[in-house]
């Protein structure tokens, strides 16, 4: 398989924050957002052919265990690992998925990680809300990196009453006032937090109304406040 990889936010955070083996300048492989083209298939392969374009998701799950059957594939009992290093051969062929026909490669690479992560973040933000509640809700996105923008785009597809996003701490005072204004003082119905820092998580609670939802998907490198 011939592969193209790109690094994402979690690669950068891992490089900056996670311990590496003594004497090693790297200690891990960068890049787990991967697309590729099948160049050779084995005799047991049935769902792919030479020349197929594929996308390589950054996680793999069995689809059959207790957690997978309930939609919690990130806790798969057979594969409880974010495959940060496995966008490389020989591991990539274990999780290759055929690409939609005719899709632009620049869009395809987003399907390896950032778009589905943003999609699930939005789904979780409105979990348990009926359609009427969603359409009258105010949702806030904290963090506007690539995944954050995908989360915001997906959240807006649910057609909430208001969608707000902030990427700079200096804007938090304005954001809190605006949220109160839009919700008659209650607070946001849903907050999507994707930074992973304790202060951002604390802000999510500060903005949220009672019985609202927090959808958190950042790489957590600090204690929960």
N, C-alpha and C. Protein backbone atom coordinates (compact mmCIF):
# COMPACT_ATOMS: atom_id res chain seq x y z
N UNK A 1 0.83 -1.19 0.00
CA UNK A 1 0.00 0.00 0.00
C UNK A 1 0.87 1.25 0.00
N UNK A 2 0.54 2.20 -0.85
CA UNK A 2 1.26 3.47 -0.91
C UNK A 2 0.46 4.50 -0.11
N UNK A 3 1.12 5.15 0.85
CA UNK A 3 0.41 5.98 1.81
C UNK A 3 0.86 7.43 1.78
N UNK A 4 -0.08 8.32 2.11
CA UNK A 4 0.19 9.72 2.41
C UNK A 4 -0.33 9.99 3.81
N UNK A 5 0.51 10.59 4.66
CA UNK A 5 0.12 10.87 6.04
C UNK A 5 0.28 12.34 6.35
N UNK A 6 -0.49 12.82 7.33
CA UNK A 6 -0.28 14.16 7.84
C UNK A 6 -0.42 14.13 9.35
N UNK A 7 0.26 15.06 10.01
CA UNK A 7 0.20 15.15 11.46
C UNK A 7 -1.04 15.93 11.87
N UNK A 8 -1.51 15.67 13.09
CA UNK A 8 -2.67 16.37 13.62
C UNK A 8 -2.35 16.90 15.02
N UNK A 9 -3.34 17.54 15.66
CA UNK A 9 -3.10 18.19 16.94
C UNK A 9 -2.55 17.23 17.99
N UNK A 10 -3.09 16.00 18.03
CA UNK A 10 -2.65 15.05 19.05
C UNK A 10 -1.20 14.63 18.83
N UNK A 11 -0.72 14.61 17.58
CA UNK A 11 0.70 14.37 17.33
C UNK A 11 1.55 15.46 17.96
N UNK A 12 1.10 16.71 17.76
CA UNK A 12 1.86 17.84 18.29
C UNK A 12 1.87 17.83 19.81
N UNK A 13 0.71 17.55 20.42
CA UNK A 13 0.65 17.49 21.87
C UNK A 13 1.49 16.34 22.41
N UNK A 14 1.48 15.23 21.70
CA UNK A 14 2.28 14.10 22.14
C UNK A 14 3.77 14.43 22.10
N UNK A 15 4.18 15.14 21.06
CA UNK A 15 5.58 15.53 20.94
C UNK A 15 5.99 16.47 22.07
N UNK A 16 5.06 17.34 22.48
CA UNK A 16 5.39 18.36 23.47
C UNK A 16 5.22 17.89 24.91
N UNK A 17 4.28 16.95 25.14
CA UNK A 17 3.84 16.69 26.51
C UNK A 17 4.08 15.27 27.00
N UNK A 18 4.25 14.30 26.12
CA UNK A 18 4.34 12.92 26.56
C UNK A 18 5.80 12.49 26.69
N UNK A 19 6.12 11.65 27.68
CA UNK A 19 7.50 11.21 27.86
C UNK A 19 7.97 10.33 26.71
N UNK A 20 9.26 10.42 26.40
CA UNK A 20 9.85 9.62 25.35
C UNK A 20 11.01 8.80 25.92
N UNK A 21 11.39 7.73 25.26
CA UNK A 21 12.47 6.89 25.78
C UNK A 21 13.75 7.68 25.98
N UNK A 22 14.51 7.39 27.06
CA UNK A 22 15.77 8.09 27.30
C UNK A 22 16.71 7.98 26.11
N UNK A 23 17.32 9.10 25.74
CA UNK A 23 18.27 9.11 24.64
C UNK A 23 17.63 9.20 23.27
N UNK A 24 16.30 9.27 23.23
CA UNK A 24 15.63 9.34 21.94
C UNK A 24 15.15 10.76 21.69
N UNK A 25 15.36 11.26 20.50
CA UNK A 25 14.89 12.60 20.16
C UNK A 25 13.44 12.60 19.69
N UNK A 26 12.95 11.44 19.33
CA UNK A 26 11.56 11.36 18.86
C UNK A 26 10.77 10.36 19.70
N UNK A 27 11.01 9.08 19.50
CA UNK A 27 10.36 8.07 20.31
C UNK A 27 9.00 7.63 19.79
N UNK A 28 8.54 8.22 18.72
CA UNK A 28 7.26 7.81 18.14
C UNK A 28 7.19 8.27 16.69
N UNK A 29 6.20 7.79 15.98
CA UNK A 29 6.03 8.10 14.57
C UNK A 29 4.93 9.14 14.42
N UNK A 30 5.24 10.24 13.73
CA UNK A 30 4.25 11.29 13.51
C UNK A 30 3.32 10.91 12.36
N UNK A 31 2.10 11.37 12.43
CA UNK A 31 1.18 11.24 11.32
C UNK A 31 0.26 10.05 11.41
N UNK A 32 -1.01 10.30 11.73
CA UNK A 32 -1.96 9.19 11.75
C UNK A 32 -3.24 9.53 11.00
N UNK A 33 -3.23 10.61 10.23
CA UNK A 33 -4.33 10.90 9.31
C UNK A 33 -3.84 10.45 7.93
N UNK A 34 -4.37 9.35 7.44
CA UNK A 34 -3.74 8.65 6.34
C UNK A 34 -4.72 8.28 5.23
N UNK A 35 -4.29 8.47 4.00
CA UNK A 35 -4.98 7.94 2.83
C UNK A 35 -3.97 7.14 2.03
N UNK A 36 -4.43 6.34 1.11
CA UNK A 36 -3.49 5.55 0.34
C UNK A 36 -4.14 4.89 -0.86
N UNK A 37 -3.31 4.19 -1.60
CA UNK A 37 -3.77 3.42 -2.76
C UNK A 37 -3.26 2.00 -2.62
N UNK A 38 -4.14 1.03 -2.80
CA UNK A 38 -3.77 -0.38 -2.68
C UNK A 38 -2.88 -0.76 -3.87
N UNK A 39 -1.67 -1.22 -3.56
CA UNK A 39 -0.73 -1.59 -4.61
C UNK A 39 -0.56 -3.10 -4.73
N UNK A 40 -1.01 -3.83 -3.70
CA UNK A 40 -0.88 -5.28 -3.75
C UNK A 40 -1.85 -5.87 -2.74
N UNK A 41 -2.46 -7.02 -3.06
CA UNK A 41 -3.38 -7.68 -2.14
C UNK A 41 -2.97 -9.13 -1.96
N UNK A 42 -3.22 -9.64 -0.76
CA UNK A 42 -2.95 -11.04 -0.49
C UNK A 42 -4.11 -11.93 -0.90
N UNK A 43 -3.89 -13.22 -0.84
CA UNK A 43 -4.90 -14.17 -1.31
C UNK A 43 -6.16 -14.17 -0.45
N UNK A 44 -6.06 -13.75 0.81
CA UNK A 44 -7.22 -13.77 1.70
C UNK A 44 -8.03 -12.47 1.66
N UNK A 45 -7.52 -11.45 0.98
CA UNK A 45 -8.22 -10.17 0.92
C UNK A 45 -9.39 -10.26 -0.04
N UNK A 46 -10.58 -9.84 0.45
CA UNK A 46 -11.79 -9.97 -0.36
C UNK A 46 -12.45 -8.63 -0.68
N UNK A 47 -12.18 -7.62 0.12
CA UNK A 47 -12.94 -6.36 -0.02
C UNK A 47 -12.14 -5.23 -0.66
N UNK A 48 -10.93 -5.50 -1.13
CA UNK A 48 -10.12 -4.47 -1.77
C UNK A 48 -9.39 -5.05 -2.97
N UNK A 49 -9.12 -4.14 -3.91
CA UNK A 49 -8.41 -4.53 -5.12
C UNK A 49 -7.28 -3.56 -5.38
N UNK A 50 -6.31 -4.00 -6.17
CA UNK A 50 -5.20 -3.14 -6.56
C UNK A 50 -5.75 -1.89 -7.26
N UNK A 51 -5.27 -0.73 -6.84
CA UNK A 51 -5.72 0.52 -7.42
C UNK A 51 -6.80 1.22 -6.62
N UNK A 52 -7.39 0.52 -5.64
CA UNK A 52 -8.43 1.14 -4.81
C UNK A 52 -7.84 2.27 -3.96
N UNK A 53 -8.57 3.36 -3.86
CA UNK A 53 -8.21 4.43 -2.94
C UNK A 53 -8.85 4.14 -1.60
N UNK A 54 -8.07 4.29 -0.51
CA UNK A 54 -8.57 3.95 0.82
C UNK A 54 -8.24 5.08 1.80
N UNK A 55 -9.00 5.14 2.86
CA UNK A 55 -8.72 6.04 3.97
C UNK A 55 -8.46 5.16 5.19
N UNK A 56 -7.52 5.61 6.05
CA UNK A 56 -7.10 4.80 7.19
C UNK A 56 -7.57 5.49 8.48
N UNK A 57 -8.67 5.07 9.08
CA UNK A 57 -9.10 5.67 10.34
C UNK A 57 -8.03 5.51 11.42
N UNK A 58 -8.01 6.45 12.37
CA UNK A 58 -6.94 6.41 13.37
C UNK A 58 -7.27 5.50 14.55
N UNK A 59 -8.45 4.89 14.55
CA UNK A 59 -8.77 3.86 15.55
C UNK A 59 -9.33 2.65 14.81
N UNK A 60 -9.31 1.53 15.47
CA UNK A 60 -9.90 0.32 14.92
C UNK A 60 -10.65 -0.38 16.04
N UNK A 61 -11.81 -0.95 15.74
CA UNK A 61 -12.62 -1.61 16.76
C UNK A 61 -13.27 -2.85 16.14
N UNK A 62 -13.71 -3.76 17.01
CA UNK A 62 -14.21 -5.05 16.52
C UNK A 62 -15.65 -4.98 16.06
N UNK A 63 -16.45 -4.05 16.61
CA UNK A 63 -17.85 -3.93 16.24
C UNK A 63 -18.75 -4.95 16.88
N UNK A 64 -18.21 -5.80 17.74
CA UNK A 64 -18.99 -6.90 18.30
C UNK A 64 -19.04 -6.94 19.82
N UNK A 65 -18.08 -6.32 20.50
CA UNK A 65 -18.01 -6.45 21.96
C UNK A 65 -19.10 -5.60 22.64
N UNK A 66 -19.15 -5.67 23.98
CA UNK A 66 -20.16 -4.95 24.78
C UNK A 66 -20.20 -3.47 24.43
N UNK A 67 -19.04 -2.82 24.36
CA UNK A 67 -18.99 -1.38 24.12
C UNK A 67 -19.29 -1.02 22.67
N UNK A 68 -18.74 -1.78 21.72
CA UNK A 68 -19.00 -1.50 20.31
C UNK A 68 -20.49 -1.62 19.99
N UNK A 69 -21.16 -2.60 20.56
CA UNK A 69 -22.58 -2.80 20.30
C UNK A 69 -23.43 -1.64 20.83
N UNK A 70 -22.87 -0.87 21.75
CA UNK A 70 -23.59 0.27 22.32
C UNK A 70 -23.11 1.61 21.78
N UNK A 71 -22.25 1.55 20.76
CA UNK A 71 -21.79 2.76 20.11
C UNK A 71 -20.57 3.40 20.74
N UNK A 72 -19.92 2.71 21.70
CA UNK A 72 -18.75 3.26 22.38
C UNK A 72 -17.49 2.59 21.85
N UNK A 73 -17.25 2.72 20.56
CA UNK A 73 -16.17 1.96 19.93
C UNK A 73 -14.79 2.35 20.44
N UNK A 74 -14.65 3.56 21.01
CA UNK A 74 -13.34 3.96 21.54
C UNK A 74 -12.94 3.13 22.75
N UNK A 75 -13.91 2.42 23.34
CA UNK A 75 -13.62 1.55 24.49
C UNK A 75 -13.67 0.07 24.10
N UNK A 76 -13.48 -0.20 22.83
CA UNK A 76 -13.51 -1.58 22.34
C UNK A 76 -12.63 -2.47 23.20
N UNK A 77 -13.17 -3.60 23.64
CA UNK A 77 -12.45 -4.49 24.53
C UNK A 77 -11.27 -5.18 23.85
N UNK A 78 -11.27 -5.20 22.53
CA UNK A 78 -10.19 -5.85 21.79
C UNK A 78 -9.16 -4.86 21.26
N UNK A 79 -9.45 -3.58 21.33
CA UNK A 79 -8.53 -2.59 20.77
C UNK A 79 -8.70 -1.27 21.47
N UNK A 80 -8.27 -1.16 22.72
CA UNK A 80 -8.43 0.06 23.49
C UNK A 80 -7.16 0.91 23.38
N UNK A 81 -6.94 1.41 22.16
CA UNK A 81 -5.73 2.17 21.90
C UNK A 81 -5.96 3.13 20.75
N UNK A 82 -5.61 4.41 20.93
CA UNK A 82 -5.60 5.34 19.81
C UNK A 82 -4.35 5.07 19.01
N UNK A 83 -4.52 4.75 17.75
CA UNK A 83 -3.39 4.26 16.97
C UNK A 83 -2.59 5.40 16.38
N UNK A 84 -1.95 6.19 17.25
CA UNK A 84 -1.18 7.34 16.80
C UNK A 84 -0.02 6.93 15.90
N UNK A 85 0.58 5.78 16.18
CA UNK A 85 1.75 5.36 15.42
C UNK A 85 1.41 4.47 14.23
N UNK A 86 0.15 4.11 14.07
CA UNK A 86 -0.16 3.03 13.15
C UNK A 86 -0.68 3.49 11.81
N UNK A 87 -0.39 4.74 11.44
CA UNK A 87 -0.69 5.17 10.08
C UNK A 87 0.44 4.80 9.15
N UNK A 88 1.20 3.76 9.50
CA UNK A 88 2.35 3.34 8.71
C UNK A 88 2.24 1.85 8.42
N UNK A 89 2.91 1.41 7.39
CA UNK A 89 2.98 -0.03 7.13
C UNK A 89 3.87 -0.67 8.19
N UNK A 90 3.61 -1.91 8.62
CA UNK A 90 2.61 -2.82 8.06
C UNK A 90 1.25 -2.76 8.79
N UNK A 91 1.03 -1.74 9.61
CA UNK A 91 -0.19 -1.71 10.42
C UNK A 91 -1.39 -1.16 9.66
N UNK A 92 -1.18 -0.26 8.73
CA UNK A 92 -2.28 0.45 8.09
C UNK A 92 -3.25 -0.47 7.38
N UNK A 93 -2.75 -1.59 6.84
CA UNK A 93 -3.63 -2.45 6.06
C UNK A 93 -4.68 -3.14 6.92
N UNK A 94 -4.54 -3.09 8.25
CA UNK A 94 -5.51 -3.73 9.14
C UNK A 94 -6.81 -2.94 9.24
N UNK A 95 -6.82 -1.71 8.80
CA UNK A 95 -7.99 -0.86 9.03
C UNK A 95 -8.33 0.02 7.84
N UNK A 96 -7.87 -0.34 6.67
CA UNK A 96 -8.16 0.46 5.48
C UNK A 96 -9.63 0.35 5.11
N UNK A 97 -10.23 1.49 4.75
CA UNK A 97 -11.64 1.55 4.35
C UNK A 97 -11.70 2.17 2.96
N UNK A 98 -12.50 1.59 2.09
CA UNK A 98 -12.63 2.10 0.73
C UNK A 98 -13.16 3.53 0.74
N UNK A 99 -12.57 4.39 -0.06
CA UNK A 99 -12.99 5.78 -0.14
C UNK A 99 -14.25 5.91 -0.98
N UNK A 100 -15.10 6.89 -0.67
CA UNK A 100 -16.26 7.16 -1.53
C UNK A 100 -15.81 7.48 -2.94
N UNK A 101 -16.48 6.97 -3.96
CA UNK A 101 -16.05 7.21 -5.35
C UNK A 101 -16.01 8.70 -5.69
N UNK A 102 -14.91 9.11 -6.33
CA UNK A 102 -14.80 10.46 -6.85
C UNK A 102 -14.49 11.54 -5.83
N UNK A 103 -14.25 11.20 -4.58
CA UNK A 103 -14.00 12.22 -3.57
C UNK A 103 -12.63 12.85 -3.76
N UNK A 104 -12.55 14.16 -3.55
CA UNK A 104 -11.29 14.89 -3.65
C UNK A 104 -10.36 14.43 -2.52
N UNK A 105 -9.07 14.22 -2.83
CA UNK A 105 -8.12 13.74 -1.82
C UNK A 105 -7.99 14.69 -0.64
N UNK A 106 -8.15 15.99 -0.89
CA UNK A 106 -8.05 16.97 0.19
C UNK A 106 -9.21 16.84 1.17
N UNK A 107 -10.33 16.36 0.69
CA UNK A 107 -11.46 16.10 1.57
C UNK A 107 -11.35 14.71 2.20
N UNK A 108 -10.83 13.77 1.45
CA UNK A 108 -10.73 12.40 1.93
C UNK A 108 -9.89 12.30 3.20
N UNK A 109 -8.77 13.03 3.25
CA UNK A 109 -7.87 12.91 4.39
C UNK A 109 -8.56 13.34 5.69
N UNK A 110 -9.55 14.22 5.57
CA UNK A 110 -10.28 14.66 6.76
C UNK A 110 -11.12 13.53 7.36
N UNK A 111 -11.46 12.53 6.54
CA UNK A 111 -12.26 11.42 7.03
C UNK A 111 -11.45 10.44 7.87
N UNK A 112 -10.13 10.58 7.88
CA UNK A 112 -9.29 9.71 8.69
C UNK A 112 -9.37 10.05 10.17
N UNK A 113 -9.70 11.33 10.49
CA UNK A 113 -9.66 11.72 11.90
C UNK A 113 -10.53 12.93 12.17
N UNK A 114 -10.18 14.10 11.64
CA UNK A 114 -10.74 15.33 12.18
C UNK A 114 -12.24 15.49 11.93
N UNK A 115 -12.72 15.07 10.75
CA UNK A 115 -14.16 15.24 10.50
C UNK A 115 -15.00 14.29 11.34
N UNK A 116 -14.71 12.97 11.37
CA UNK A 116 -15.52 12.10 12.23
C UNK A 116 -15.41 12.45 13.71
N UNK A 117 -14.25 12.95 14.15
CA UNK A 117 -14.14 13.39 15.54
C UNK A 117 -15.08 14.56 15.80
N UNK A 118 -15.10 15.53 14.88
CA UNK A 118 -16.01 16.65 15.01
C UNK A 118 -17.47 16.22 14.92
N UNK A 119 -17.75 15.26 14.07
CA UNK A 119 -19.11 14.74 13.93
C UNK A 119 -19.60 14.14 15.24
N UNK A 120 -18.77 13.27 15.84
CA UNK A 120 -19.17 12.62 17.09
C UNK A 120 -19.28 13.64 18.22
N UNK A 121 -18.40 14.64 18.23
CA UNK A 121 -18.49 15.68 19.26
C UNK A 121 -19.83 16.39 19.20
N UNK A 122 -20.31 16.69 17.99
CA UNK A 122 -21.61 17.34 17.84
C UNK A 122 -22.74 16.41 18.23
N UNK A 123 -22.64 15.15 17.83
CA UNK A 123 -23.68 14.18 18.21
C UNK A 123 -23.80 14.08 19.73
N UNK A 124 -22.67 14.00 20.41
CA UNK A 124 -22.68 13.89 21.87
C UNK A 124 -23.20 15.16 22.54
N UNK A 125 -22.95 16.30 21.92
CA UNK A 125 -23.40 17.56 22.50
C UNK A 125 -24.92 17.62 22.62
N UNK A 126 -25.62 17.01 21.67
CA UNK A 126 -27.08 17.05 21.67
C UNK A 126 -27.71 15.73 22.14
N UNK A 127 -26.90 14.87 22.73
CA UNK A 127 -27.39 13.58 23.20
C UNK A 127 -28.54 13.78 24.20
N UNK A 128 -29.65 13.09 23.97
CA UNK A 128 -30.79 13.17 24.86
C UNK A 128 -31.72 14.34 24.60
N UNK A 129 -31.35 15.22 23.66
CA UNK A 129 -32.21 16.36 23.32
C UNK A 129 -33.22 15.94 22.24
N UNK A 130 -34.48 16.29 22.42
CA UNK A 130 -35.44 16.13 21.35
C UNK A 130 -35.24 17.19 20.29
N UNK A 131 -35.89 17.01 19.15
CA UNK A 131 -35.71 17.96 18.03
C UNK A 131 -36.09 19.38 18.44
N UNK A 132 -37.16 19.54 19.19
CA UNK A 132 -37.59 20.87 19.61
C UNK A 132 -36.55 21.53 20.50
N UNK A 133 -35.95 20.74 21.40
CA UNK A 133 -34.92 21.28 22.29
C UNK A 133 -33.69 21.70 21.50
N UNK A 134 -33.29 20.86 20.55
CA UNK A 134 -32.11 21.19 19.72
C UNK A 134 -32.33 22.50 18.98
N UNK A 135 -33.48 22.67 18.38
CA UNK A 135 -33.73 23.86 17.56
C UNK A 135 -33.87 25.13 18.39
N UNK A 136 -34.08 24.99 19.69
CA UNK A 136 -34.16 26.15 20.57
C UNK A 136 -32.89 26.33 21.41
N UNK A 137 -31.87 25.53 21.12
CA UNK A 137 -30.69 25.50 21.97
C UNK A 137 -29.60 26.47 21.51
N UNK A 138 -28.72 26.78 22.44
CA UNK A 138 -27.50 27.54 22.15
C UNK A 138 -26.32 26.63 22.44
N UNK A 139 -25.46 26.44 21.45
CA UNK A 139 -24.30 25.57 21.59
C UNK A 139 -23.04 26.42 21.48
N UNK A 140 -22.06 26.12 22.31
CA UNK A 140 -20.79 26.85 22.34
C UNK A 140 -19.65 25.88 22.03
N UNK A 141 -18.75 26.32 21.19
CA UNK A 141 -17.54 25.54 20.87
C UNK A 141 -16.34 26.28 21.44
N UNK A 142 -15.56 25.60 22.30
CA UNK A 142 -14.34 26.17 22.86
C UNK A 142 -13.15 25.56 22.11
N UNK A 143 -12.43 26.38 21.37
CA UNK A 143 -11.31 25.91 20.57
C UNK A 143 -11.70 25.84 19.10
N UNK A 144 -10.94 26.49 18.25
CA UNK A 144 -11.30 26.58 16.83
C UNK A 144 -10.16 26.12 15.92
N UNK A 145 -9.51 25.03 16.31
CA UNK A 145 -8.56 24.40 15.40
C UNK A 145 -9.31 23.60 14.35
N UNK A 146 -8.62 22.79 13.56
CA UNK A 146 -9.28 22.03 12.50
C UNK A 146 -10.41 21.13 13.00
N UNK A 147 -10.15 20.39 14.08
CA UNK A 147 -11.20 19.52 14.63
C UNK A 147 -12.33 20.36 15.21
N UNK A 148 -11.98 21.46 15.86
CA UNK A 148 -12.99 22.34 16.43
C UNK A 148 -13.92 22.91 15.38
N UNK A 149 -13.37 23.30 14.24
CA UNK A 149 -14.20 23.83 13.16
C UNK A 149 -15.10 22.74 12.58
N UNK A 150 -14.59 21.51 12.49
CA UNK A 150 -15.43 20.40 12.03
C UNK A 150 -16.56 20.15 13.02
N UNK A 151 -16.26 20.25 14.31
CA UNK A 151 -17.30 20.06 15.33
C UNK A 151 -18.36 21.15 15.21
N UNK A 152 -17.93 22.39 15.01
CA UNK A 152 -18.88 23.49 14.88
C UNK A 152 -19.74 23.33 13.63
N UNK A 153 -19.14 22.95 12.52
CA UNK A 153 -19.90 22.73 11.28
C UNK A 153 -20.97 21.66 11.48
N UNK A 154 -20.58 20.57 12.15
CA UNK A 154 -21.53 19.48 12.38
C UNK A 154 -22.62 19.91 13.36
N UNK A 155 -22.25 20.68 14.38
CA UNK A 155 -23.24 21.16 15.33
C UNK A 155 -24.28 22.04 14.65
N UNK A 156 -23.84 22.89 13.74
CA UNK A 156 -24.76 23.78 13.04
C UNK A 156 -25.69 23.02 12.10
N UNK A 157 -25.28 21.83 11.66
CA UNK A 157 -26.15 21.00 10.83
C UNK A 157 -27.39 20.55 11.60
N UNK A 158 -27.30 20.54 12.93
CA UNK A 158 -28.47 20.19 13.76
C UNK A 158 -29.46 21.35 13.87
N UNK A 159 -29.09 22.50 13.35
CA UNK A 159 -29.93 23.71 13.32
C UNK A 159 -30.34 24.19 14.72
N UNK A 160 -29.33 24.44 15.59
CA UNK A 160 -29.66 25.04 16.88
C UNK A 160 -30.05 26.51 16.69
N UNK A 161 -30.62 27.09 17.73
CA UNK A 161 -31.01 28.50 17.67
C UNK A 161 -29.78 29.40 17.52
N UNK A 162 -28.68 29.03 18.19
CA UNK A 162 -27.46 29.84 18.13
C UNK A 162 -26.24 28.95 18.27
N UNK A 163 -25.20 29.31 17.54
CA UNK A 163 -23.93 28.62 17.65
C UNK A 163 -22.81 29.64 17.82
N UNK A 164 -22.03 29.47 18.89
CA UNK A 164 -20.95 30.41 19.20
C UNK A 164 -19.64 29.64 19.33
N UNK A 165 -18.54 30.31 19.00
CA UNK A 165 -17.23 29.69 19.11
C UNK A 165 -16.23 30.71 19.61
N UNK A 166 -15.26 30.23 20.39
CA UNK A 166 -14.22 31.11 20.92
C UNK A 166 -12.89 30.38 20.88
N UNK A 167 -11.85 31.12 20.53
CA UNK A 167 -10.52 30.51 20.43
C UNK A 167 -9.47 31.30 21.21
N UNK A 168 -9.89 32.42 21.80
CA UNK A 168 -8.95 33.26 22.54
C UNK A 168 -9.51 33.56 23.93
N UNK A 169 -8.72 33.33 24.98
CA UNK A 169 -9.21 33.58 26.34
C UNK A 169 -9.72 34.99 26.56
N UNK A 170 -9.18 35.96 25.82
CA UNK A 170 -9.58 37.36 26.02
C UNK A 170 -11.06 37.57 25.67
N UNK A 171 -11.63 36.66 24.88
CA UNK A 171 -13.02 36.79 24.44
C UNK A 171 -14.01 36.12 25.38
N UNK A 172 -13.54 35.48 26.44
CA UNK A 172 -14.43 34.70 27.30
C UNK A 172 -15.45 35.57 28.02
N UNK A 173 -15.06 36.76 28.43
CA UNK A 173 -16.00 37.65 29.11
C UNK A 173 -17.14 38.02 28.16
N UNK A 174 -16.77 38.37 26.92
CA UNK A 174 -17.81 38.65 25.92
C UNK A 174 -18.68 37.44 25.67
N UNK A 175 -18.06 36.25 25.57
CA UNK A 175 -18.81 35.04 25.27
C UNK A 175 -19.82 34.74 26.36
N UNK A 176 -19.40 34.82 27.61
CA UNK A 176 -20.32 34.52 28.72
C UNK A 176 -21.51 35.47 28.71
N UNK A 177 -21.24 36.76 28.46
CA UNK A 177 -22.33 37.74 28.41
C UNK A 177 -23.27 37.45 27.24
N UNK A 178 -22.71 37.07 26.11
CA UNK A 178 -23.54 36.79 24.94
C UNK A 178 -24.40 35.55 25.15
N UNK A 179 -23.82 34.52 25.76
CA UNK A 179 -24.58 33.30 26.04
C UNK A 179 -25.75 33.60 26.98
N UNK A 180 -25.50 34.38 28.02
CA UNK A 180 -26.58 34.75 28.94
C UNK A 180 -27.68 35.52 28.22
N UNK A 181 -27.27 36.40 27.31
CA UNK A 181 -28.23 37.20 26.55
C UNK A 181 -29.12 36.32 25.68
N UNK A 182 -28.54 35.31 25.05
CA UNK A 182 -29.27 34.46 24.13
C UNK A 182 -30.17 33.45 24.83
N UNK A 183 -29.91 33.18 26.11
CA UNK A 183 -30.62 32.11 26.81
C UNK A 183 -31.41 32.61 28.01
N UNK A 184 -31.70 33.91 28.04
CA UNK A 184 -32.44 34.49 29.18
C UNK A 184 -31.75 34.21 30.51
N UNK A 185 -30.42 34.20 30.46
CA UNK A 185 -29.64 34.06 31.68
C UNK A 185 -29.37 32.63 32.11
N UNK A 186 -29.88 31.63 31.38
CA UNK A 186 -29.73 30.23 31.82
C UNK A 186 -28.32 29.70 31.62
N UNK A 187 -27.71 30.00 30.49
CA UNK A 187 -26.43 29.41 30.11
C UNK A 187 -26.61 28.53 28.89
N UNK A 188 -25.50 28.10 28.32
CA UNK A 188 -25.53 27.30 27.09
C UNK A 188 -26.17 25.94 27.32
N UNK A 189 -26.92 25.48 26.33
CA UNK A 189 -27.52 24.15 26.41
C UNK A 189 -26.48 23.06 26.18
N UNK A 190 -25.48 23.35 25.37
CA UNK A 190 -24.42 22.38 25.08
C UNK A 190 -23.11 23.12 24.86
N UNK A 191 -22.04 22.54 25.38
CA UNK A 191 -20.70 23.09 25.18
C UNK A 191 -19.80 21.98 24.64
N UNK A 192 -19.10 22.27 23.55
CA UNK A 192 -18.15 21.33 22.97
C UNK A 192 -16.75 21.82 23.29
N UNK A 193 -16.01 21.04 24.08
CA UNK A 193 -14.67 21.46 24.53
C UNK A 193 -13.64 20.51 23.93
N UNK A 194 -12.77 21.04 23.10
CA UNK A 194 -11.82 20.17 22.42
C UNK A 194 -10.37 20.53 22.63
N UNK A 195 -10.08 21.35 23.63
CA UNK A 195 -8.69 21.75 23.87
C UNK A 195 -7.99 20.74 24.77
N UNK A 196 -8.68 20.30 25.82
CA UNK A 196 -8.11 19.29 26.72
C UNK A 196 -7.47 19.85 27.95
N UNK A 197 -7.33 21.18 28.06
CA UNK A 197 -6.72 21.78 29.25
C UNK A 197 -7.75 21.96 30.35
N UNK A 198 -7.30 21.95 31.59
CA UNK A 198 -8.20 22.05 32.73
C UNK A 198 -8.97 23.37 32.73
N UNK A 199 -8.33 24.46 32.35
CA UNK A 199 -9.02 25.75 32.37
C UNK A 199 -10.14 25.81 31.34
N UNK A 200 -9.93 25.16 30.18
CA UNK A 200 -10.98 25.12 29.16
C UNK A 200 -12.16 24.29 29.64
N UNK A 201 -11.88 23.21 30.34
CA UNK A 201 -12.94 22.36 30.88
C UNK A 201 -13.73 23.11 31.95
N UNK A 202 -13.02 23.87 32.78
CA UNK A 202 -13.68 24.68 33.79
C UNK A 202 -14.58 25.73 33.14
N UNK A 203 -14.10 26.32 32.07
CA UNK A 203 -14.90 27.30 31.34
C UNK A 203 -16.18 26.68 30.80
N UNK A 204 -16.09 25.44 30.34
CA UNK A 204 -17.27 24.75 29.82
C UNK A 204 -18.35 24.66 30.89
N UNK A 205 -17.96 24.32 32.11
CA UNK A 205 -18.91 24.26 33.21
C UNK A 205 -19.48 25.65 33.52
N UNK A 206 -18.64 26.66 33.46
CA UNK A 206 -19.09 28.02 33.77
C UNK A 206 -20.13 28.51 32.77
N UNK A 207 -20.04 28.07 31.52
CA UNK A 207 -20.95 28.52 30.48
C UNK A 207 -22.24 27.71 30.42
N UNK A 208 -22.23 26.51 30.98
CA UNK A 208 -23.32 25.55 30.81
C UNK A 208 -24.49 25.82 31.75
N UNK A 209 -25.70 25.63 31.25
CA UNK A 209 -26.88 25.69 32.10
C UNK A 209 -27.02 24.39 32.88
N UNK A 210 -27.79 24.37 33.97
CA UNK A 210 -28.09 23.10 34.65
C UNK A 210 -28.75 22.11 33.69
N UNK A 211 -28.32 20.85 33.73
CA UNK A 211 -28.81 19.77 32.88
C UNK A 211 -28.43 19.95 31.41
N UNK A 212 -27.46 20.79 31.15
CA UNK A 212 -26.94 20.87 29.79
C UNK A 212 -25.91 19.78 29.55
N UNK A 213 -25.38 19.71 28.33
CA UNK A 213 -24.41 18.69 27.94
C UNK A 213 -23.05 19.30 27.67
N UNK A 214 -21.99 18.64 28.16
CA UNK A 214 -20.63 18.96 27.76
C UNK A 214 -20.10 17.80 26.93
N UNK A 215 -19.66 18.12 25.73
CA UNK A 215 -19.02 17.13 24.86
C UNK A 215 -17.54 17.46 24.82
N UNK A 216 -16.73 16.59 25.40
CA UNK A 216 -15.29 16.87 25.53
C UNK A 216 -14.49 15.84 24.77
N UNK A 217 -13.63 16.27 23.87
CA UNK A 217 -12.85 15.32 23.08
C UNK A 217 -11.39 15.73 22.93
N UNK A 218 -10.93 16.72 23.67
CA UNK A 218 -9.53 17.11 23.59
C UNK A 218 -8.61 16.05 24.18
N UNK A 219 -7.32 16.16 23.88
CA UNK A 219 -6.31 15.27 24.46
C UNK A 219 -6.01 15.77 25.86
N UNK A 220 -6.38 14.99 26.86
CA UNK A 220 -6.32 15.45 28.25
C UNK A 220 -4.93 15.24 28.82
N UNK A 221 -4.28 16.32 29.18
CA UNK A 221 -2.91 16.23 29.70
C UNK A 221 -2.82 16.81 31.11
N UNK A 222 -3.96 17.21 31.68
CA UNK A 222 -3.98 17.78 33.02
C UNK A 222 -5.08 17.13 33.82
N UNK A 223 -5.02 17.30 35.16
CA UNK A 223 -6.05 16.74 36.03
C UNK A 223 -7.37 17.46 35.78
N UNK A 224 -8.47 16.73 35.92
CA UNK A 224 -9.79 17.33 35.77
C UNK A 224 -10.08 18.19 36.99
N UNK A 225 -10.50 19.46 36.77
CA UNK A 225 -10.70 20.36 37.92
C UNK A 225 -11.91 19.94 38.75
